[in-house]
Amino acid sequence: MKSTASDIQTQLRVAQANATTNLKCKDFTTKAWKIQFISSGGGFSARTVCEYEVDGGVAEEFVSSYNLNPNIVIESLTDSTGTSCDLPVT
């Protein structure tokens, strides 16, 4: 469990560092760095995604993924206001 929490925390820090340093994604101006929590195949994963502007629109690029241990279940997610969120969450 500690390992999983540490791995997710590392992903969050990388996304934050990428956003803070304005790291480009695919040589385009990056609009946002995100972590998406996804339920799939009976398990959960956390994906790092960059969102960038291209041709007057917005596109997303999958950068990396971390699959949670199959014994770990995300029962709920809440934001800073206490509002619960459904998966997938970005």
Protein backbone atom coordinates (compact mmCIF):
# COMPACT_ATOMS: atom_id res chain seq x y z
CA MET A 1 0.00 0.00 0.00
CA LYS A 2 2.81 2.45 0.85
CA SER A 3 4.42 1.69 -2.49
CA THR A 4 1.22 2.45 -4.41
CA ALA A 5 0.65 5.72 -2.57
CA SER A 6 4.25 6.70 -3.20
CA ASP A 7 4.02 5.83 -6.90
CA ILE A 8 0.83 7.89 -7.36
CA GLN A 9 2.38 10.77 -5.44
CA THR A 10 5.39 10.62 -7.77
CA GLN A 11 3.09 10.83 -10.82
CA LEU A 12 1.34 13.86 -9.31
CA ARG A 13 4.67 15.57 -8.64
CA VAL A 14 5.91 14.91 -12.18
CA ALA A 15 2.71 16.36 -13.67
CA GLN A 16 3.02 19.38 -11.36
CA ALA A 17 6.69 19.90 -12.27
CA ASN A 18 5.87 19.61 -15.99
CA ALA A 19 3.14 22.24 -15.62
CA THR A 20 5.30 24.55 -13.50
CA THR A 21 8.21 24.45 -15.95
CA ASN A 22 5.93 24.77 -19.01
CA LEU A 23 7.28 21.52 -20.44
CA LYS A 24 6.06 21.16 -24.02
CA CYS A 25 4.17 18.12 -25.19
CA LYS A 26 4.84 16.92 -28.75
CA ASP A 27 6.48 20.31 -29.47
CA PHE A 28 3.16 22.12 -29.02
CA THR A 29 2.17 24.67 -26.42
CA THR A 30 0.95 22.59 -23.51
CA LYS A 31 -2.35 23.64 -22.03
CA ALA A 32 -2.38 21.26 -19.02
CA TRP A 33 -0.77 18.23 -17.42
CA LYS A 34 -3.26 15.81 -15.86
CA ILE A 35 -3.51 12.58 -13.95
CA GLN A 36 -6.51 10.48 -14.95
CA PHE A 37 -7.77 7.78 -12.59
CA ILE A 38 -9.41 5.05 -14.63
CA SER A 39 -11.25 1.84 -13.77
CA SER A 40 -10.62 -0.85 -16.37
CA GLY A 41 -10.42 -4.60 -16.60
CA GLY A 42 -11.31 -5.12 -12.95
CA GLY A 43 -8.46 -2.86 -11.78
CA PHE A 44 -7.49 0.76 -11.56
CA SER A 45 -4.80 2.81 -13.21
CA ALA A 46 -3.45 6.34 -13.00
CA ARG A 47 -2.43 7.87 -16.34
CA THR A 48 -0.35 10.97 -16.94
CA VAL A 49 -1.74 12.95 -19.88
CA CYS A 50 -0.75 16.23 -21.46
CA GLU A 51 -3.31 18.46 -23.12
CA TYR A 52 -2.05 20.73 -25.89
CA GLU A 53 -3.31 23.15 -28.51
CA VAL A 54 -3.09 22.10 -32.13
CA ASP A 55 -4.78 23.42 -35.28
CA GLY A 56 -7.10 25.68 -33.28
CA GLY A 57 -8.28 22.83 -31.07
CA VAL A 58 -7.19 20.82 -28.07
CA ALA A 59 -5.68 17.32 -28.14
CA GLU A 60 -4.51 14.93 -25.43
CA GLU A 61 -1.43 12.73 -25.42
CA PHE A 62 -0.99 9.74 -23.12
CA VAL A 63 2.46 10.01 -21.51
CA SER A 64 2.69 7.26 -18.89
CA SER A 65 0.56 4.91 -16.83
CA TYR A 66 0.70 3.24 -13.45
CA ASN A 67 -1.45 0.17 -12.82
CA LEU A 68 -2.49 -0.14 -9.21
CA ASN A 69 -2.06 -3.44 -7.42
CA PRO A 70 -5.19 -5.54 -8.18
CA ASN A 71 -5.88 -5.80 -4.43
CA ILE A 72 -6.32 -2.02 -4.21
CA VAL A 73 -9.79 -0.64 -4.90
CA ILE A 74 -10.69 3.04 -5.27
CA GLU A 75 -14.08 3.27 -3.60
CA SER A 76 -14.51 7.02 -3.88
CA LEU A 77 -12.75 10.23 -4.81
CA THR A 78 -13.63 13.66 -3.50
CA ASP A 79 -12.42 17.10 -4.43
CA SER A 80 -11.35 19.83 -2.03
CA THR A 81 -14.97 20.90 -1.50
CA GLY A 82 -16.07 17.39 -0.49
CA THR A 83 -17.88 16.72 -3.77
CA SER A 84 -17.56 13.09 -4.85
CA CYS A 85 -16.38 12.21 -8.34
CA ASP A 86 -17.09 9.27 -10.62
CA LEU A 87 -14.39 7.47 -12.59
CA PRO A 88 -12.73 8.28 -14.85
CA VAL A 89 -11.45 11.35 -13.04
CA THR A 90 -9.06 13.89 -14.51
